[in-house]
Amino acid sequence: MKRILFPAVAGALIAMSGSALADTAVSAITDLNVRAGPGPQYPVIGVLAAGQSATLDGCIANSKWCTIAAANGQGWVYSDYVTADFGGSRVVLTQRPASADIAVVTPPADSAEYSDSYTGAIVAGEAIEPIRRPPAEIRTYVRTHRLDPVYLEGEVVTGATLPDTVELREIPDYDYRYVYVNGQPALIDPDTRRIMYVVR
């Protein structure tokens, strides 16, 4: 799979020195979308690759959406898929201790209009190695046979599981099904409903 690296990584790492030491360094546990806002309805502006680090600016109160340093502004990530060091241990940001000193940030004004649009939730799973890059004809089929996207709470990552309510579409002569979830096409194992590959 071709890795698309989040363009602000170098800047984020530089920003971690000097006055930015109070910020928290986070690492992605899987290839993770970086979005223009705190929700699946926002466009993907980059990908934080598995193991790649960034600087956390803060998280929205009572939300799993957090903002990281990005080129010319902010990018937003879903905190189920990033870790940080708390008390000498790597912890998934969503499960951080209550005493963690993470800044609370305000969501953009336009994010409230989407709060009731979710039809279910993606169940976070263990990070898995995605399947090998599907053949070109499969990727072309998925891109040319677009579906209306289903918007679910969470983020589209390999290993996560879709709820039973999401209809999966067949691909001729191929074992996996596909769906456009949160604006992105993904290949799904029909038996487990796990996301096996995100078509980028």
C-alpha atoms as a PDB file:
ATOM      1  CA  MET A   1       0.000   0.000   0.000  1.00  0.00           C
ATOM      2  CA  LYS A   2       1.298   3.425  -0.863  1.00  0.00           C
ATOM      3  CA  ARG A   3       1.624   5.493   2.283  1.00  0.00           C
ATOM      4  CA  ILE A   4       0.331   9.032   2.167  1.00  0.00           C
ATOM      5  CA  LEU A   5       2.147  10.898   4.864  1.00  0.00           C
ATOM      6  CA  PHE A   6       0.595  13.781   6.714  1.00  0.00           C
ATOM      7  CA  PRO A   7       2.480  16.813   5.394  1.00  0.00           C
ATOM      8  CA  ALA A   8       2.886  18.592   8.712  1.00  0.00           C
ATOM      9  CA  VAL A   9       4.893  15.872  10.465  1.00  0.00           C
ATOM     10  CA  ALA A  10       8.238  17.552  10.011  1.00  0.00           C
ATOM     11  CA  GLY A  11       6.796  20.833  11.231  1.00  0.00           C
ATOM     12  CA  ALA A  12       5.106  19.119  14.151  1.00  0.00           C
ATOM     13  CA  LEU A  13       8.334  17.453  15.233  1.00  0.00           C
ATOM     14  CA  ILE A  14      10.196  20.747  15.023  1.00  0.00           C
ATOM     15  CA  ALA A  15       7.406  22.428  16.971  1.00  0.00           C
ATOM     16  CA  MET A  16       7.903  19.912  19.781  1.00  0.00           C
ATOM     17  CA  SER A  17      11.165  21.607  20.700  1.00  0.00           C
ATOM     18  CA  GLY A  18      11.496  24.838  22.639  1.00  0.00           C
ATOM     19  CA  SER A  19       8.238  26.522  23.624  1.00  0.00           C
ATOM     20  CA  ALA A  20       6.069  23.632  22.439  1.00  0.00           C
ATOM     21  CA  LEU A  21       7.362  21.159  25.055  1.00  0.00           C
ATOM     22  CA  ALA A  22       4.112  21.520  27.008  1.00  0.00           C
ATOM     23  CA  ASP A  23       2.235  19.976  24.064  1.00  0.00           C
ATOM     24  CA  THR A  24       1.687  16.225  23.980  1.00  0.00           C
ATOM     25  CA  ALA A  25       3.336  14.021  21.351  1.00  0.00           C
ATOM     26  CA  VAL A  26       0.946  11.416  19.951  1.00  0.00           C
ATOM     27  CA  SER A  27       1.517   8.473  17.580  1.00  0.00           C
ATOM     28  CA  ALA A  28      -0.943   6.776  15.261  1.00  0.00           C
ATOM     29  CA  ILE A  29      -1.514   3.052  15.875  1.00  0.00           C
ATOM     30  CA  THR A  30      -2.795   2.538  12.319  1.00  0.00           C
ATOM     31  CA  ASP A  31      -2.979   4.615   9.156  1.00  0.00           C
ATOM     32  CA  LEU A  32      -5.352   7.332  10.340  1.00  0.00           C
ATOM     33  CA  ASN A  33      -7.262   9.986   8.452  1.00  0.00           C
ATOM     34  CA  VAL A  34      -6.539  13.575   9.357  1.00  0.00           C
ATOM     35  CA  ARG A  35      -9.670  15.612   8.678  1.00  0.00           C
ATOM     36  CA  ALA A  36     -10.393  19.294   8.186  1.00  0.00           C
ATOM     37  CA  GLY A  37     -12.793  19.265  11.156  1.00  0.00           C
ATOM     38  CA  PRO A  38     -13.946  17.119  14.080  1.00  0.00           C
ATOM     39  CA  GLY A  39     -16.202  14.619  12.359  1.00  0.00           C
ATOM     40  CA  PRO A  40     -16.474  12.099   9.535  1.00  0.00           C
ATOM     41  CA  GLN A  41     -18.344  14.602   7.360  1.00  0.00           C
ATOM     42  CA  TYR A  42     -15.200  16.725   6.985  1.00  0.00           C
ATOM     43  CA  PRO A  43     -12.812  16.060   4.103  1.00  0.00           C
ATOM     44  CA  VAL A  44      -9.629  14.079   4.631  1.00  0.00           C
ATOM     45  CA  ILE A  45      -6.654  16.446   4.365  1.00  0.00           C
ATOM     46  CA  GLY A  46      -3.929  13.898   5.058  1.00  0.00           C
ATOM     47  CA  VAL A  47      -3.031  10.594   6.658  1.00  0.00           C
ATOM     48  CA  LEU A  48      -1.037  10.067   9.837  1.00  0.00           C
ATOM     49  CA  ALA A  49       0.732   6.785   9.030  1.00  0.00           C
ATOM     50  CA  ALA A  50       0.979   3.973  11.581  1.00  0.00           C
ATOM     51  CA  GLY A  51       3.791   4.824  14.005  1.00  0.00           C
ATOM     52  CA  GLN A  52       4.033   8.408  12.813  1.00  0.00           C
ATOM     53  CA  SER A  53       4.084  11.171  15.438  1.00  0.00           C
ATOM     54  CA  ALA A  54       2.389  14.545  15.656  1.00  0.00           C
ATOM     55  CA  THR A  55       1.821  17.222  18.270  1.00  0.00           C
ATOM     56  CA  LEU A  56      -1.553  17.195  20.006  1.00  0.00           C
ATOM     57  CA  ASP A  57      -3.072  20.651  20.473  1.00  0.00           C
ATOM     58  CA  GLY A  58      -6.094  19.499  22.476  1.00  0.00           C
ATOM     59  CA  CYS A  59      -9.393  17.608  22.481  1.00  0.00           C
ATOM     60  CA  ILE A  60     -13.030  18.675  22.479  1.00  0.00           C
ATOM     61  CA  ALA A  61     -14.674  18.104  25.881  1.00  0.00           C
ATOM     62  CA  ASN A  62     -16.753  14.897  25.989  1.00  0.00           C
ATOM     63  CA  SER A  63     -15.686  13.980  22.457  1.00  0.00           C
ATOM     64  CA  LYS A  64     -13.192  11.620  20.839  1.00  0.00           C
ATOM     65  CA  TRP A  65     -12.075  14.263  18.321  1.00  0.00           C
ATOM     66  CA  CYS A  66      -8.744  15.937  18.929  1.00  0.00           C
ATOM     67  CA  THR A  67      -6.730  18.461  16.973  1.00  0.00           C
ATOM     68  CA  ILE A  68      -3.089  18.132  15.990  1.00  0.00           C
ATOM     69  CA  ALA A  69      -0.607  20.600  14.567  1.00  0.00           C
ATOM     70  CA  ALA A  70      -0.965  20.784  10.798  1.00  0.00           C
ATOM     71  CA  ALA A  71       0.561  22.820   8.007  1.00  0.00           C
ATOM     72  CA  ASN A  72      -1.170  26.199   7.917  1.00  0.00           C
ATOM     73  CA  GLY A  73      -3.596  25.322  10.702  1.00  0.00           C
ATOM     74  CA  GLN A  74      -5.125  22.329  12.416  1.00  0.00           C
ATOM     75  CA  GLY A  75      -6.001  18.784  11.498  1.00  0.00           C
ATOM     76  CA  TRP A  76      -8.422  16.571  13.413  1.00  0.00           C
ATOM     77  CA  VAL A  77      -7.964  12.915  14.409  1.00  0.00           C
ATOM     78  CA  TYR A  78     -10.141  10.360  16.184  1.00  0.00           C
ATOM     79  CA  SER A  79      -8.573   9.610  19.563  1.00  0.00           C
ATOM     80  CA  ASP A  80      -9.297   5.852  19.564  1.00  0.00           C
ATOM     81  CA  TYR A  81      -6.330   5.480  17.175  1.00  0.00           C
ATOM     82  CA  VAL A  82      -3.571   7.587  18.702  1.00  0.00           C
ATOM     83  CA  THR A  83      -1.419   6.920  21.753  1.00  0.00           C
ATOM     84  CA  ALA A  84       0.542   9.175  24.062  1.00  0.00           C
ATOM     85  CA  ASP A  85       2.880   8.687  27.003  1.00  0.00           C
ATOM     86  CA  PHE A  86       1.133   9.027  30.362  1.00  0.00           C
ATOM     87  CA  GLY A  87       3.160   8.168  33.464  1.00  0.00           C
ATOM     88  CA  GLY A  88       5.731   6.230  31.437  1.00  0.00           C
ATOM     89  CA  SER A  89       3.186   4.054  29.607  1.00  0.00           C
ATOM     90  CA  ARG A  90       1.801   4.325  26.071  1.00  0.00           C
ATOM     91  CA  VAL A  91      -1.952   4.748  26.409  1.00  0.00           C
ATOM     92  CA  VAL A  92      -4.676   5.148  23.774  1.00  0.00           C
ATOM     93  CA  LEU A  93      -5.675   8.796  24.026  1.00  0.00           C
ATOM     94  CA  THR A  94      -9.358   7.953  24.571  1.00  0.00           C
ATOM     95  CA  GLN A  95      -8.350   5.931  27.661  1.00  0.00           C
ATOM     96  CA  ARG A  96      -6.021   8.555  29.127  1.00  0.00           C
ATOM     97  CA  PRO A  97      -6.059   9.088  32.903  1.00  0.00           C
ATOM     98  CA  ALA A  98      -8.448  11.724  34.237  1.00  0.00           C
ATOM     99  CA  SER A  99      -5.425  13.610  35.565  1.00  0.00           C
ATOM    100  CA  ALA A 100      -3.886  13.955  32.083  1.00  0.00           C
ATOM    101  CA  ASP A 101      -3.138  17.571  31.274  1.00  0.00           C
ATOM    102  CA  ILE A 102      -4.727  17.776  27.813  1.00  0.00           C
ATOM    103  CA  ALA A 103      -6.020  21.140  26.617  1.00  0.00           C
ATOM    104  CA  VAL A 104      -9.737  21.425  25.936  1.00  0.00           C
ATOM    105  CA  VAL A 105     -10.435  22.997  22.549  1.00  0.00           C
ATOM    106  CA  THR A 106     -13.595  24.480  21.099  1.00  0.00           C
ATOM    107  CA  PRO A 107     -15.108  22.787  18.051  1.00  0.00           C
ATOM    108  CA  PRO A 108     -15.600  24.851  14.902  1.00  0.00           C
ATOM    109  CA  ALA A 109     -18.946  26.635  14.764  1.00  0.00           C
ATOM    110  CA  ASP A 110     -20.167  24.542  11.808  1.00  0.00           C
ATOM    111  CA  SER A 111     -19.552  21.161  13.503  1.00  0.00           C
ATOM    112  CA  ALA A 112     -22.760  21.214  15.577  1.00  0.00           C
ATOM    113  CA  GLU A 113     -24.994  20.766  12.517  1.00  0.00           C
ATOM    114  CA  TYR A 114     -23.715  17.206  12.057  1.00  0.00           C
ATOM    115  CA  SER A 115     -24.089  15.943  15.604  1.00  0.00           C
ATOM    116  CA  ASP A 116     -27.349  14.024  14.919  1.00  0.00           C
ATOM    117  CA  SER A 117     -26.436  12.668  11.486  1.00  0.00           C
ATOM    118  CA  TYR A 118     -24.808   9.395  12.585  1.00  0.00           C
ATOM    119  CA  THR A 119     -26.734   6.216  11.818  1.00  0.00           C
ATOM    120  CA  GLY A 120     -24.555   4.032  14.047  1.00  0.00           C
ATOM    121  CA  ALA A 121     -20.993   3.640  15.210  1.00  0.00           C
ATOM    122  CA  ILE A 122     -17.870   1.973  13.912  1.00  0.00           C
ATOM    123  CA  VAL A 123     -16.569  -0.428  16.551  1.00  0.00           C
ATOM    124  CA  ALA A 124     -12.877   0.198  17.124  1.00  0.00           C
ATOM    125  CA  GLY A 125     -10.801  -2.940  16.825  1.00  0.00           C
ATOM    126  CA  GLU A 126      -7.211  -3.950  17.105  1.00  0.00           C
ATOM    127  CA  ALA A 127      -5.039  -2.597  14.348  1.00  0.00           C
ATOM    128  CA  ILE A 128      -4.488  -5.223  11.676  1.00  0.00           C
ATOM    129  CA  GLU A 129      -2.250  -5.410   8.686  1.00  0.00           C
ATOM    130  CA  PRO A 130      -4.454  -4.425   5.748  1.00  0.00           C
ATOM    131  CA  ILE A 131      -4.825  -6.850   2.895  1.00  0.00           C
ATOM    132  CA  ARG A 132      -2.359  -6.410   0.097  1.00  0.00           C
ATOM    133  CA  ARG A 133      -3.290  -3.674  -2.292  1.00  0.00           C
ATOM    134  CA  PRO A 134      -6.267  -4.976  -4.275  1.00  0.00           C
ATOM    135  CA  PRO A 135      -5.872  -5.376  -8.030  1.00  0.00           C
ATOM    136  CA  ALA A 136      -6.332  -2.222 -10.108  1.00  0.00           C
ATOM    137  CA  GLU A 137      -9.618  -3.479 -11.553  1.00  0.00           C
ATOM    138  CA  ILE A 138     -11.079  -3.825  -8.041  1.00  0.00           C
ATOM    139  CA  ARG A 139     -10.027  -0.304  -7.051  1.00  0.00           C
ATOM    140  CA  THR A 140     -11.417   1.010 -10.346  1.00  0.00           C
ATOM    141  CA  TYR A 141     -14.712  -0.834  -9.823  1.00  0.00           C
ATOM    142  CA  VAL A 142     -15.145   0.625  -6.347  1.00  0.00           C
ATOM    143  CA  ARG A 143     -14.337   4.152  -7.528  1.00  0.00           C
ATOM    144  CA  THR A 144     -16.566   4.023 -10.610  1.00  0.00           C
ATOM    145  CA  HIS A 145     -19.503   2.388  -8.803  1.00  0.00           C
ATOM    146  CA  ARG A 146     -19.867   5.057  -6.164  1.00  0.00           C
ATOM    147  CA  LEU A 147     -22.436   4.646  -3.412  1.00  0.00           C
ATOM    148  CA  ASP A 148     -24.111   7.207  -1.202  1.00  0.00           C
ATOM    149  CA  PRO A 149     -21.927   7.342   1.910  1.00  0.00           C
ATOM    150  CA  VAL A 150     -23.096   6.095   5.277  1.00  0.00           C
ATOM    151  CA  TYR A 151     -21.976   8.325   8.135  1.00  0.00           C
ATOM    152  CA  LEU A 152     -21.053   6.537  11.339  1.00  0.00           C
ATOM    153  CA  GLU A 153     -19.530   7.775  14.547  1.00  0.00           C
ATOM    154  CA  GLY A 154     -15.843   6.884  14.490  1.00  0.00           C
ATOM    155  CA  GLU A 155     -13.173   6.682  11.827  1.00  0.00           C
ATOM    156  CA  VAL A 156     -12.496   4.458   8.838  1.00  0.00           C
ATOM    157  CA  VAL A 157      -9.452   2.328   9.704  1.00  0.00           C
ATOM    158  CA  THR A 158      -8.420  -1.249   9.004  1.00  0.00           C
ATOM    159  CA  GLY A 159      -9.517  -3.631  11.737  1.00  0.00           C
ATOM    160  CA  ALA A 160     -12.592  -1.661  12.796  1.00  0.00           C
ATOM    161  CA  THR A 161     -16.014  -3.312  12.490  1.00  0.00           C
ATOM    162  CA  LEU A 162     -19.128  -1.915  10.833  1.00  0.00           C
ATOM    163  CA  PRO A 163     -22.559  -2.367  12.442  1.00  0.00           C
ATOM    164  CA  ASP A 164     -25.025  -4.880  10.970  1.00  0.00           C
ATOM    165  CA  THR A 165     -27.233  -2.030   9.754  1.00  0.00           C
ATOM    166  CA  VAL A 166     -24.728  -1.015   7.054  1.00  0.00           C
ATOM    167  CA  GLU A 167     -25.515  -2.586   3.682  1.00  0.00           C
ATOM    168  CA  LEU A 168     -22.458  -4.051   1.968  1.00  0.00           C
ATOM    169  CA  ARG A 169     -22.290  -4.174  -1.831  1.00  0.00           C
ATOM    170  CA  GLU A 170     -20.847  -7.034  -3.837  1.00  0.00           C
ATOM    171  CA  ILE A 171     -17.871  -6.748  -6.155  1.00  0.00           C
ATOM    172  CA  PRO A 172     -18.047  -9.189  -9.087  1.00  0.00           C
ATOM    173  CA  ASP A 173     -15.686 -12.175  -8.691  1.00  0.00           C
ATOM    174  CA  TYR A 174     -14.161 -10.855  -5.453  1.00  0.00           C
ATOM    175  CA  ASP A 175     -14.362 -12.146  -1.864  1.00  0.00           C
ATOM    176  CA  TYR A 176     -14.758  -8.782  -0.165  1.00  0.00           C
ATOM    177  CA  ARG A 177     -17.689  -6.370  -0.271  1.00  0.00           C
ATOM    178  CA  TYR A 178     -17.479  -2.599  -0.285  1.00  0.00           C
ATOM    179  CA  VAL A 179     -19.215   0.448   1.128  1.00  0.00           C
ATOM    180  CA  TYR A 180     -18.590   4.184   1.220  1.00  0.00           C
ATOM    181  CA  VAL A 181     -18.399   4.974   4.904  1.00  0.00           C
ATOM    182  CA  ASN A 182     -17.697   8.465   6.202  1.00  0.00           C
ATOM    183  CA  GLY A 183     -16.990   9.515   2.636  1.00  0.00           C
ATOM    184  CA  GLN A 184     -14.368   6.844   1.932  1.00  0.00           C
ATOM    185  CA  PRO A 185     -14.607   3.578   0.043  1.00  0.00           C
ATOM    186  CA  ALA A 186     -13.591   0.567   2.096  1.00  0.00           C
ATOM    187  CA  LEU A 187     -13.338  -3.171   1.432  1.00  0.00           C
ATOM    188  CA  ILE A 188     -15.157  -5.236   4.034  1.00  0.00           C
ATOM    189  CA  ASP A 189     -14.958  -8.908   5.024  1.00  0.00           C
ATOM    190  CA  PRO A 190     -18.644  -9.928   4.785  1.00  0.00           C
ATOM    191  CA  ASP A 191     -18.282 -12.611   7.495  1.00  0.00           C
ATOM    192  CA  THR A 192     -16.727 -10.427  10.195  1.00  0.00           C
ATOM    193  CA  ARG A 193     -17.763  -6.979   8.846  1.00  0.00           C
ATOM    194  CA  ARG A 194     -14.216  -5.802   9.529  1.00  0.00           C
ATOM    195  CA  ILE A 195     -12.658  -3.114   7.377  1.00  0.00           C
ATOM    196  CA  MET A 196      -9.864  -4.866   5.513  1.00  0.00           C
ATOM    197  CA  TYR A 197      -8.668  -2.072   3.229  1.00  0.00           C
ATOM    198  CA  VAL A 198      -9.353   1.639   2.865  1.00  0.00           C
ATOM    199  CA  VAL A 199      -9.276   2.735  -0.777  1.00  0.00           C
ATOM    200  CA  ARG A 200      -7.360   6.039  -0.830  1.00  0.00           C
END
